[in-house]
Amino acid sequence: MNSRKRKLSGVKFVIALIAAILFMIPFFLVILNSVKPLDQIMTELLAFPRSVRWENYKNAWTQVNMSVVMRNTIIVTGVSLVLILLLSSMLAYWMNRHKTIFSSIFEKLLVGSLLIPFATVMLSLVKTMSWLGLTNSLWGGIITYSGMGIAFGTFMMSGAVKAIPIELEESAALDGCNVYQRFFIIVFPLLRPTLLSLFVLDLFWIWNDYIVALTLLNKPELMTLQLAINKLFGLYSNQWDIALPAIVMSILPILVINVLMQKRIVSGVASGAVKG
């Protein structure tokens, strides 16, 4: 039996290793080609560089205006994430702990909004943002991302709130805690595993999004990473020697965050909340 288990574990390891290699090949090719001259990128995609051109990164930083677009992306992503995580957890708490006809209707509308494709509301979104004076504004992007992310975030957080024993809040209420204290002191910390999972999901989505940025952030000084990189590709020219280093630099921040937070996401400790 032990021998059979070891063989099965070995087969699983080999399959996982092959899958990991297949998933890493595109990323490896991007890094490999980011230090090649343009003529070799176009003719020898799979070959190692004849000469390593680190200046590609310097040229990409300057031509893409990386300091500005990176700052814009960080601001839009960071503020949107804070709003999504905070408002989603508060909405989920309100819908689960304060059951009324209004919260029930709101919950159904919120879940129903997940079925609406973004393309169907794009025109009305642009008109609304234009009427509010939020087109070509970082706040316009932040409000849009937050509004789009709250529905799914609330759906995720709702299950986490239901799993928290209501007795914890009842004990706190007996000690004189109001509803805000019960939420922020007791409930919110216990939502950490789900909050981390939602954080990573929305981080990848907002950081890599192109459609909303194209719709609302068209000024050069307001461009995000993906929009700025896309400008390198045109009808008659594709600047691969600039685009590939820019892509690598755009991937690195979220890659580092994902690696640093991986253990916390996988091993969330909600069960440690209730102790004698």
C-alpha atoms as a PDB file:
ATOM      1  CA  MET A   1       0.000   0.000   0.000  1.00  0.00           C
ATOM      2  CA  ASN A   2       2.810   2.397   0.912  1.00  0.00           C
ATOM      3  CA  SER A   3       4.586   1.591  -2.356  1.00  0.00           C
ATOM      4  CA  ARG A   4       1.404   2.293  -4.290  1.00  0.00           C
ATOM      5  CA  LYS A   5       0.939   5.627  -2.507  1.00  0.00           C
ATOM      6  CA  ARG A   6       4.538   6.607  -3.279  1.00  0.00           C
ATOM      7  CA  LYS A   7       4.049   5.781  -6.955  1.00  0.00           C
ATOM      8  CA  LEU A   8       0.824   7.791  -7.052  1.00  0.00           C
ATOM      9  CA  SER A   9       2.554  10.744  -5.367  1.00  0.00           C
ATOM     10  CA  GLY A  10       5.393  10.489  -7.878  1.00  0.00           C
ATOM     11  CA  VAL A  11       2.972  10.528 -10.816  1.00  0.00           C
ATOM     12  CA  LYS A  12       1.159  13.561  -9.364  1.00  0.00           C
ATOM     13  CA  PHE A  13       4.476  15.363  -8.882  1.00  0.00           C
ATOM     14  CA  VAL A  14       5.548  14.697 -12.485  1.00  0.00           C
ATOM     15  CA  ILE A  15       2.186  15.906 -13.835  1.00  0.00           C
ATOM     16  CA  ALA A  16       2.339  19.049 -11.670  1.00  0.00           C
ATOM     17  CA  LEU A  17       5.932  19.694 -12.786  1.00  0.00           C
ATOM     18  CA  ILE A  18       5.040  19.338 -16.482  1.00  0.00           C
ATOM     19  CA  ALA A  19       2.034  21.653 -16.027  1.00  0.00           C
ATOM     20  CA  ALA A  20       4.192  24.238 -14.234  1.00  0.00           C
ATOM     21  CA  ILE A  21       6.797  24.148 -17.018  1.00  0.00           C
ATOM     22  CA  LEU A  22       4.129  24.563 -19.708  1.00  0.00           C
ATOM     23  CA  PHE A  23       2.628  27.548 -17.876  1.00  0.00           C
ATOM     24  CA  MET A  24       6.085  29.139 -17.391  1.00  0.00           C
ATOM     25  CA  ILE A  25       7.224  28.817 -21.031  1.00  0.00           C
ATOM     26  CA  PRO A  26       5.412  31.987 -22.261  1.00  0.00           C
ATOM     27  CA  PHE A  27       6.799  34.021 -19.347  1.00  0.00           C
ATOM     28  CA  PHE A  28      10.302  32.648 -20.003  1.00  0.00           C
ATOM     29  CA  LEU A  29      10.051  33.599 -23.696  1.00  0.00           C
ATOM     30  CA  VAL A  30       8.992  37.149 -22.806  1.00  0.00           C
ATOM     31  CA  ILE A  31      12.011  37.562 -20.507  1.00  0.00           C
ATOM     32  CA  LEU A  32      14.342  35.917 -23.033  1.00  0.00           C
ATOM     33  CA  ASN A  33      13.249  38.146 -25.896  1.00  0.00           C
ATOM     34  CA  SER A  34      13.165  41.316 -23.805  1.00  0.00           C
ATOM     35  CA  VAL A  35      16.987  41.544 -23.993  1.00  0.00           C
ATOM     36  CA  LYS A  36      17.325  40.825 -27.732  1.00  0.00           C
ATOM     37  CA  PRO A  37      17.751  43.320 -30.558  1.00  0.00           C
ATOM     38  CA  LEU A  38      14.600  43.844 -32.617  1.00  0.00           C
ATOM     39  CA  ASP A  39      15.851  41.975 -35.697  1.00  0.00           C
ATOM     40  CA  GLN A  40      16.556  38.825 -33.647  1.00  0.00           C
ATOM     41  CA  ILE A  41      13.165  39.032 -31.908  1.00  0.00           C
ATOM     42  CA  MET A  42      11.468  39.025 -35.307  1.00  0.00           C
ATOM     43  CA  THR A  43      13.530  36.184 -36.829  1.00  0.00           C
ATOM     44  CA  GLU A  44      14.734  33.989 -33.922  1.00  0.00           C
ATOM     45  CA  LEU A  45      12.001  33.946 -31.306  1.00  0.00           C
ATOM     46  CA  LEU A  46      13.169  30.761 -29.557  1.00  0.00           C
ATOM     47  CA  ALA A  47      16.918  31.415 -29.762  1.00  0.00           C
ATOM     48  CA  PHE A  48      19.100  32.783 -26.997  1.00  0.00           C
ATOM     49  CA  PRO A  49      20.204  36.404 -27.536  1.00  0.00           C
ATOM     50  CA  ARG A  50      23.353  36.881 -29.610  1.00  0.00           C
ATOM     51  CA  SER A  51      24.056  39.962 -27.492  1.00  0.00           C
ATOM     52  CA  VAL A  52      22.240  40.962 -24.299  1.00  0.00           C
ATOM     53  CA  ARG A  53      20.720  44.418 -24.687  1.00  0.00           C
ATOM     54  CA  TRP A  54      19.910  45.677 -21.189  1.00  0.00           C
ATOM     55  CA  GLU A  55      19.363  49.088 -22.732  1.00  0.00           C
ATOM     56  CA  ASN A  56      16.006  47.760 -23.944  1.00  0.00           C
ATOM     57  CA  TYR A  57      14.746  48.228 -20.384  1.00  0.00           C
ATOM     58  CA  LYS A  58      16.108  51.762 -20.193  1.00  0.00           C
ATOM     59  CA  ASN A  59      14.501  52.629 -23.540  1.00  0.00           C
ATOM     60  CA  ALA A  60      11.208  51.067 -22.459  1.00  0.00           C
ATOM     61  CA  TRP A  61      11.195  53.009 -19.172  1.00  0.00           C
ATOM     62  CA  THR A  62      11.691  56.274 -21.070  1.00  0.00           C
ATOM     63  CA  GLN A  63       9.475  55.657 -24.094  1.00  0.00           C
ATOM     64  CA  VAL A  64       6.531  54.206 -22.152  1.00  0.00           C
ATOM     65  CA  ASN A  65       6.930  56.948 -19.503  1.00  0.00           C
ATOM     66  CA  MET A  66       6.982  54.132 -16.967  1.00  0.00           C
ATOM     67  CA  SER A  67       7.270  56.308 -13.867  1.00  0.00           C
ATOM     68  CA  VAL A  68       3.986  58.074 -14.708  1.00  0.00           C
ATOM     69  CA  VAL A  69       1.968  55.083 -15.932  1.00  0.00           C
ATOM     70  CA  MET A  70       3.203  52.923 -13.046  1.00  0.00           C
ATOM     71  CA  ARG A  71       2.157  55.624 -10.569  1.00  0.00           C
ATOM     72  CA  ASN A  72      -1.282  55.891 -12.195  1.00  0.00           C
ATOM     73  CA  THR A  73      -1.732  52.120 -12.126  1.00  0.00           C
ATOM     74  CA  ILE A  74      -0.697  51.880  -8.472  1.00  0.00           C
ATOM     75  CA  ILE A  75      -3.075  54.687  -7.455  1.00  0.00           C
ATOM     76  CA  VAL A  76      -6.062  53.318  -9.379  1.00  0.00           C
ATOM     77  CA  THR A  77      -5.436  49.718  -8.292  1.00  0.00           C
ATOM     78  CA  GLY A  78      -4.668  50.527  -4.649  1.00  0.00           C
ATOM     79  CA  VAL A  79      -7.604  52.853  -3.992  1.00  0.00           C
ATOM     80  CA  SER A  80     -10.027  50.595  -5.907  1.00  0.00           C
ATOM     81  CA  LEU A  81      -8.917  47.559  -3.881  1.00  0.00           C
ATOM     82  CA  VAL A  82      -9.381  49.380  -0.574  1.00  0.00           C
ATOM     83  CA  LEU A  83     -12.896  50.468  -1.560  1.00  0.00           C
ATOM     84  CA  ILE A  84     -13.869  47.026  -2.885  1.00  0.00           C
ATOM     85  CA  LEU A  85     -12.621  45.154   0.188  1.00  0.00           C
ATOM     86  CA  LEU A  86     -14.140  47.588   2.687  1.00  0.00           C
ATOM     87  CA  LEU A  87     -17.513  48.125   1.007  1.00  0.00           C
ATOM     88  CA  SER A  88     -17.941  44.453   0.037  1.00  0.00           C
ATOM     89  CA  SER A  89     -17.353  43.255   3.590  1.00  0.00           C
ATOM     90  CA  MET A  90     -19.675  45.917   5.024  1.00  0.00           C
ATOM     91  CA  LEU A  91     -22.426  45.093   2.527  1.00  0.00           C
ATOM     92  CA  ALA A  92     -22.104  41.367   3.179  1.00  0.00           C
ATOM     93  CA  TYR A  93     -22.324  41.985   6.922  1.00  0.00           C
ATOM     94  CA  TRP A  94     -25.397  44.202   6.564  1.00  0.00           C
ATOM     95  CA  MET A  95     -27.220  41.740   4.286  1.00  0.00           C
ATOM     96  CA  ASN A  96     -26.544  38.749   6.552  1.00  0.00           C
ATOM     97  CA  ARG A  97     -26.954  40.301   9.993  1.00  0.00           C
ATOM     98  CA  HIS A  98     -29.799  42.740   9.297  1.00  0.00           C
ATOM     99  CA  LYS A  99     -32.337  40.763   7.312  1.00  0.00           C
ATOM    100  CA  THR A 100     -35.089  42.994   5.946  1.00  0.00           C
ATOM    101  CA  ILE A 101     -37.055  43.077   2.708  1.00  0.00           C
ATOM    102  CA  PHE A 102     -34.723  45.842   1.497  1.00  0.00           C
ATOM    103  CA  SER A 103     -31.539  43.866   2.172  1.00  0.00           C
ATOM    104  CA  SER A 104     -33.078  40.805   0.500  1.00  0.00           C
ATOM    105  CA  ILE A 105     -34.030  42.749  -2.641  1.00  0.00           C
ATOM    106  CA  PHE A 106     -30.630  44.460  -2.701  1.00  0.00           C
ATOM    107  CA  GLU A 107     -28.856  41.095  -2.454  1.00  0.00           C
ATOM    108  CA  LYS A 108     -30.801  39.696  -5.404  1.00  0.00           C
ATOM    109  CA  LEU A 109     -30.096  42.780  -7.510  1.00  0.00           C
ATOM    110  CA  LEU A 110     -26.413  42.642  -6.599  1.00  0.00           C
ATOM    111  CA  VAL A 111     -26.051  38.988  -7.558  1.00  0.00           C
ATOM    112  CA  GLY A 112     -28.079  39.592 -10.727  1.00  0.00           C
ATOM    113  CA  SER A 113     -25.682  42.353 -11.774  1.00  0.00           C
ATOM    114  CA  LEU A 114     -22.921  39.741 -12.094  1.00  0.00           C
ATOM    115  CA  LEU A 115     -24.712  38.392 -15.174  1.00  0.00           C
ATOM    116  CA  ILE A 116     -24.580  41.716 -17.060  1.00  0.00           C
ATOM    117  CA  PRO A 117     -21.666  41.939 -19.559  1.00  0.00           C
ATOM    118  CA  PHE A 118     -19.561  45.077 -19.330  1.00  0.00           C
ATOM    119  CA  ALA A 119     -20.038  45.808 -23.042  1.00  0.00           C
ATOM    120  CA  THR A 120     -23.774  46.332 -22.542  1.00  0.00           C
ATOM    121  CA  VAL A 121     -23.249  49.144 -20.009  1.00  0.00           C
ATOM    122  CA  MET A 122     -20.185  50.751 -21.592  1.00  0.00           C
ATOM    123  CA  LEU A 123     -22.080  53.475 -23.449  1.00  0.00           C
ATOM    124  CA  SER A 124     -24.219  54.448 -20.447  1.00  0.00           C
ATOM    125  CA  LEU A 125     -21.115  54.360 -18.251  1.00  0.00           C
ATOM    126  CA  VAL A 126     -19.280  56.818 -20.507  1.00  0.00           C
ATOM    127  CA  LYS A 127     -22.305  59.130 -20.642  1.00  0.00           C
ATOM    128  CA  THR A 128     -22.734  59.017 -16.846  1.00  0.00           C
ATOM    129  CA  MET A 129     -19.046  59.659 -16.199  1.00  0.00           C
ATOM    130  CA  SER A 130     -19.066  62.502 -18.716  1.00  0.00           C
ATOM    131  CA  TRP A 131     -22.113  64.049 -16.999  1.00  0.00           C
ATOM    132  CA  LEU A 132     -20.324  63.776 -13.631  1.00  0.00           C
ATOM    133  CA  GLY A 133     -17.113  65.237 -15.090  1.00  0.00           C
ATOM    134  CA  LEU A 134     -15.147  62.067 -14.308  1.00  0.00           C
ATOM    135  CA  THR A 135     -13.957  61.084 -17.783  1.00  0.00           C
ATOM    136  CA  ASN A 136     -10.192  61.432 -18.165  1.00  0.00           C
ATOM    137  CA  SER A 137      -9.884  61.339 -14.388  1.00  0.00           C
ATOM    138  CA  LEU A 138      -8.229  58.772 -12.138  1.00  0.00           C
ATOM    139  CA  TRP A 139     -11.277  59.010  -9.859  1.00  0.00           C
ATOM    140  CA  GLY A 140     -13.462  57.984 -12.775  1.00  0.00           C
ATOM    141  CA  GLY A 141     -11.426  54.809 -13.174  1.00  0.00           C
ATOM    142  CA  ILE A 142     -11.403  54.170  -9.423  1.00  0.00           C
ATOM    143  CA  ILE A 143     -15.186  54.555  -9.103  1.00  0.00           C
ATOM    144  CA  THR A 144     -15.765  52.313 -12.131  1.00  0.00           C
ATOM    145  CA  TYR A 145     -13.484  49.522 -10.903  1.00  0.00           C
ATOM    146  CA  SER A 146     -14.970  49.753  -7.407  1.00  0.00           C
ATOM    147  CA  GLY A 147     -18.529  49.595  -8.721  1.00  0.00           C
ATOM    148  CA  MET A 148     -17.736  46.641 -10.958  1.00  0.00           C
ATOM    149  CA  GLY A 149     -15.887  44.757  -8.209  1.00  0.00           C
ATOM    150  CA  ILE A 150     -18.283  45.226  -5.305  1.00  0.00           C
ATOM    151  CA  ALA A 151     -20.904  42.753  -6.591  1.00  0.00           C
ATOM    152  CA  PHE A 152     -18.496  39.815  -6.851  1.00  0.00           C
ATOM    153  CA  GLY A 153     -16.716  40.903  -3.662  1.00  0.00           C
ATOM    154  CA  THR A 154     -19.965  40.957  -1.701  1.00  0.00           C
ATOM    155  CA  PHE A 155     -20.873  37.540  -3.104  1.00  0.00           C
ATOM    156  CA  MET A 156     -17.550  36.151  -1.800  1.00  0.00           C
ATOM    157  CA  MET A 157     -17.684  37.932   1.556  1.00  0.00           C
ATOM    158  CA  SER A 158     -21.267  36.869   2.230  1.00  0.00           C
ATOM    159  CA  GLY A 159     -20.256  33.230   2.683  1.00  0.00           C
ATOM    160  CA  ALA A 160     -17.423  34.237   5.006  1.00  0.00           C
ATOM    161  CA  VAL A 161     -19.742  36.358   7.171  1.00  0.00           C
ATOM    162  CA  LYS A 162     -22.238  33.488   7.476  1.00  0.00           C
ATOM    163  CA  ALA A 163     -19.447  31.232   8.791  1.00  0.00           C
ATOM    164  CA  ILE A 164     -18.677  33.575  11.713  1.00  0.00           C
ATOM    165  CA  PRO A 165     -20.621  32.578  14.881  1.00  0.00           C
ATOM    166  CA  ILE A 166     -23.130  35.269  15.732  1.00  0.00           C
ATOM    167  CA  GLU A 167     -22.552  34.494  19.429  1.00  0.00           C
ATOM    168  CA  LEU A 168     -19.290  36.461  19.232  1.00  0.00           C
ATOM    169  CA  GLU A 169     -21.200  39.594  18.303  1.00  0.00           C
ATOM    170  CA  GLU A 170     -23.909  38.966  20.888  1.00  0.00           C
ATOM    171  CA  SER A 171     -21.261  38.733  23.615  1.00  0.00           C
ATOM    172  CA  ALA A 172     -19.701  41.977  22.410  1.00  0.00           C
ATOM    173  CA  ALA A 173     -23.126  43.655  22.347  1.00  0.00           C
ATOM    174  CA  LEU A 174     -23.647  42.664  25.988  1.00  0.00           C
ATOM    175  CA  ASP A 175     -20.313  44.337  26.765  1.00  0.00           C
ATOM    176  CA  GLY A 176     -21.569  47.580  25.220  1.00  0.00           C
ATOM    177  CA  CYS A 177     -20.122  47.414  21.679  1.00  0.00           C
ATOM    178  CA  ASN A 178     -22.182  49.160  19.017  1.00  0.00           C
ATOM    179  CA  VAL A 179     -22.651  47.748  15.513  1.00  0.00           C
ATOM    180  CA  TYR A 180     -19.583  49.540  14.117  1.00  0.00           C
ATOM    181  CA  GLN A 181     -17.344  48.253  16.890  1.00  0.00           C
ATOM    182  CA  ARG A 182     -18.671  44.723  16.445  1.00  0.00           C
ATOM    183  CA  PHE A 183     -17.943  44.823  12.741  1.00  0.00           C
ATOM    184  CA  PHE A 184     -14.481  46.409  12.771  1.00  0.00           C
ATOM    185  CA  ILE A 185     -13.161  44.817  15.983  1.00  0.00           C
ATOM    186  CA  ILE A 186     -14.673  41.321  15.764  1.00  0.00           C
ATOM    187  CA  VAL A 187     -16.013  40.499  12.293  1.00  0.00           C
ATOM    188  CA  PHE A 188     -13.588  42.295   9.967  1.00  0.00           C
ATOM    189  CA  PRO A 189     -10.395  40.622  11.315  1.00  0.00           C
ATOM    190  CA  LEU A 190     -12.038  37.189  10.976  1.00  0.00           C
ATOM    191  CA  LEU A 191     -12.673  37.862   7.290  1.00  0.00           C
ATOM    192  CA  ARG A 192      -8.932  38.095   6.590  1.00  0.00           C
ATOM    193  CA  PRO A 193      -8.543  34.837   4.593  1.00  0.00           C
ATOM    194  CA  THR A 194     -11.398  35.750   2.242  1.00  0.00           C
ATOM    195  CA  LEU A 195     -10.204  39.348   2.059  1.00  0.00           C
ATOM    196  CA  LEU A 196      -6.744  38.166   0.990  1.00  0.00           C
ATOM    197  CA  SER A 197      -8.212  35.900  -1.691  1.00  0.00           C
ATOM    198  CA  LEU A 198     -10.412  38.710  -3.006  1.00  0.00           C
ATOM    199  CA  PHE A 199      -7.435  41.089  -2.857  1.00  0.00           C
ATOM    200  CA  VAL A 200      -5.328  38.852  -5.102  1.00  0.00           C
ATOM    201  CA  LEU A 201      -8.159  38.202  -7.584  1.00  0.00           C
ATOM    202  CA  ASP A 202      -9.016  41.885  -7.969  1.00  0.00           C
ATOM    203  CA  LEU A 203      -5.358  42.912  -7.980  1.00  0.00           C
ATOM    204  CA  PHE A 204      -4.729  40.820 -11.105  1.00  0.00           C
ATOM    205  CA  TRP A 205      -7.952  42.033 -12.705  1.00  0.00           C
ATOM    206  CA  ILE A 206      -7.496  45.783 -12.159  1.00  0.00           C
ATOM    207  CA  TRP A 207      -3.722  45.833 -12.735  1.00  0.00           C
ATOM    208  CA  ASN A 208      -4.069  44.030 -16.076  1.00  0.00           C
ATOM    209  CA  ASP A 209      -7.340  45.595 -17.241  1.00  0.00           C
ATOM    210  CA  TYR A 210      -7.362  47.377 -20.577  1.00  0.00           C
ATOM    211  CA  ILE A 211     -11.013  48.058 -21.447  1.00  0.00           C
ATOM    212  CA  VAL A 212     -11.903  50.480 -18.620  1.00  0.00           C
ATOM    213  CA  ALA A 213      -8.600  52.339 -19.021  1.00  0.00           C
ATOM    214  CA  LEU A 214      -9.200  52.679 -22.769  1.00  0.00           C
ATOM    215  CA  THR A 215     -12.727  53.956 -22.122  1.00  0.00           C
ATOM    216  CA  LEU A 216     -12.002  56.500 -19.379  1.00  0.00           C
ATOM    217  CA  LEU A 217      -8.260  57.248 -19.201  1.00  0.00           C
ATOM    218  CA  ASN A 218      -7.136  58.327 -22.652  1.00  0.00           C
ATOM    219  CA  LYS A 219      -4.937  61.297 -21.745  1.00  0.00           C
ATOM    220  CA  PRO A 220      -1.179  60.508 -21.850  1.00  0.00           C
ATOM    221  CA  GLU A 221      -0.686  61.703 -18.271  1.00  0.00           C
ATOM    222  CA  LEU A 222      -3.494  59.403 -17.045  1.00  0.00           C
ATOM    223  CA  MET A 223      -2.607  56.189 -18.891  1.00  0.00           C
ATOM    224  CA  THR A 224      -2.200  52.930 -16.999  1.00  0.00           C
ATOM    225  CA  LEU A 225       0.412  50.278 -17.801  1.00  0.00           C
ATOM    226  CA  GLN A 226      -1.648  48.145 -20.155  1.00  0.00           C
ATOM    227  CA  LEU A 227      -2.931  51.123 -22.125  1.00  0.00           C
ATOM    228  CA  ALA A 228       0.569  52.599 -22.482  1.00  0.00           C
ATOM    229  CA  ILE A 229       2.065  49.277 -23.612  1.00  0.00           C
ATOM    230  CA  ASN A 230      -0.707  48.796 -26.180  1.00  0.00           C
ATOM    231  CA  LYS A 231       0.208  52.165 -27.750  1.00  0.00           C
ATOM    232  CA  LEU A 232       3.490  50.562 -28.885  1.00  0.00           C
ATOM    233  CA  PHE A 233       1.579  48.456 -31.401  1.00  0.00           C
ATOM    234  CA  GLY A 234       0.217  50.120 -34.501  1.00  0.00           C
ATOM    235  CA  LEU A 235      -0.936  49.337 -38.011  1.00  0.00           C
ATOM    236  CA  TYR A 236       2.517  49.685 -39.559  1.00  0.00           C
ATOM    237  CA  SER A 237       4.959  49.071 -36.709  1.00  0.00           C
ATOM    238  CA  ASN A 238       5.273  46.883 -33.623  1.00  0.00           C
ATOM    239  CA  GLN A 239       7.965  47.947 -31.159  1.00  0.00           C
ATOM    240  CA  TRP A 240       8.681  44.545 -29.640  1.00  0.00           C
ATOM    241  CA  ASP A 241      12.091  45.578 -28.281  1.00  0.00           C
ATOM    242  CA  ILE A 242      10.298  48.228 -26.190  1.00  0.00           C
ATOM    243  CA  ALA A 243       7.067  46.356 -25.453  1.00  0.00           C
ATOM    244  CA  LEU A 244       8.617  43.150 -24.069  1.00  0.00           C
ATOM    245  CA  PRO A 245      10.767  44.875 -21.404  1.00  0.00           C
ATOM    246  CA  ALA A 246       7.733  47.017 -20.497  1.00  0.00           C
ATOM    247  CA  ILE A 247       5.622  43.858 -20.108  1.00  0.00           C
ATOM    248  CA  VAL A 248       8.257  42.313 -17.810  1.00  0.00           C
ATOM    249  CA  MET A 249       8.331  45.468 -15.661  1.00  0.00           C
ATOM    250  CA  SER A 250       4.525  45.502 -15.482  1.00  0.00           C
ATOM    251  CA  ILE A 251       4.423  41.855 -14.351  1.00  0.00           C
ATOM    252  CA  LEU A 252       7.109  42.062 -11.653  1.00  0.00           C
ATOM    253  CA  PRO A 253       5.177  44.054  -8.976  1.00  0.00           C
ATOM    254  CA  ILE A 254       2.146  41.752  -8.865  1.00  0.00           C
ATOM    255  CA  LEU A 255       4.391  38.694  -9.165  1.00  0.00           C
ATOM    256  CA  VAL A 256       6.326  39.777  -6.062  1.00  0.00           C
ATOM    257  CA  ILE A 257       3.101  40.510  -4.148  1.00  0.00           C
ATOM    258  CA  ASN A 258       1.665  37.125  -5.103  1.00  0.00           C
ATOM    259  CA  VAL A 259       4.800  35.262  -3.972  1.00  0.00           C
ATOM    260  CA  LEU A 260       4.968  37.159  -0.662  1.00  0.00           C
ATOM    261  CA  MET A 261       1.274  36.616   0.132  1.00  0.00           C
ATOM    262  CA  GLN A 262       0.916  33.063  -1.123  1.00  0.00           C
ATOM    263  CA  LYS A 263       1.291  31.340   2.253  1.00  0.00           C
ATOM    264  CA  ARG A 264      -1.176  33.670   3.946  1.00  0.00           C
ATOM    265  CA  ILE A 265      -3.757  33.134   1.243  1.00  0.00           C
ATOM    266  CA  VAL A 266      -3.498  29.349   1.323  1.00  0.00           C
ATOM    267  CA  SER A 267      -3.282  28.973   5.094  1.00  0.00           C
ATOM    268  CA  GLY A 268      -5.908  31.471   6.328  1.00  0.00           C
ATOM    269  CA  VAL A 269      -6.655  31.075  10.028  1.00  0.00           C
ATOM    270  CA  ALA A 270     -10.311  31.900  10.580  1.00  0.00           C
ATOM    271  CA  SER A 271     -10.652  28.891  12.869  1.00  0.00           C
ATOM    272  CA  GLY A 272      -8.360  30.466  15.433  1.00  0.00           C
ATOM    273  CA  ALA A 273     -10.891  33.156  16.234  1.00  0.00           C
ATOM    274  CA  VAL A 274     -12.929  31.256  18.821  1.00  0.00           C
ATOM    275  CA  LYS A 275     -10.828  30.421  21.812  1.00  0.00           C
ATOM    276  CA  GLY A 276     -12.021  29.572  25.277  1.00  0.00           C
END
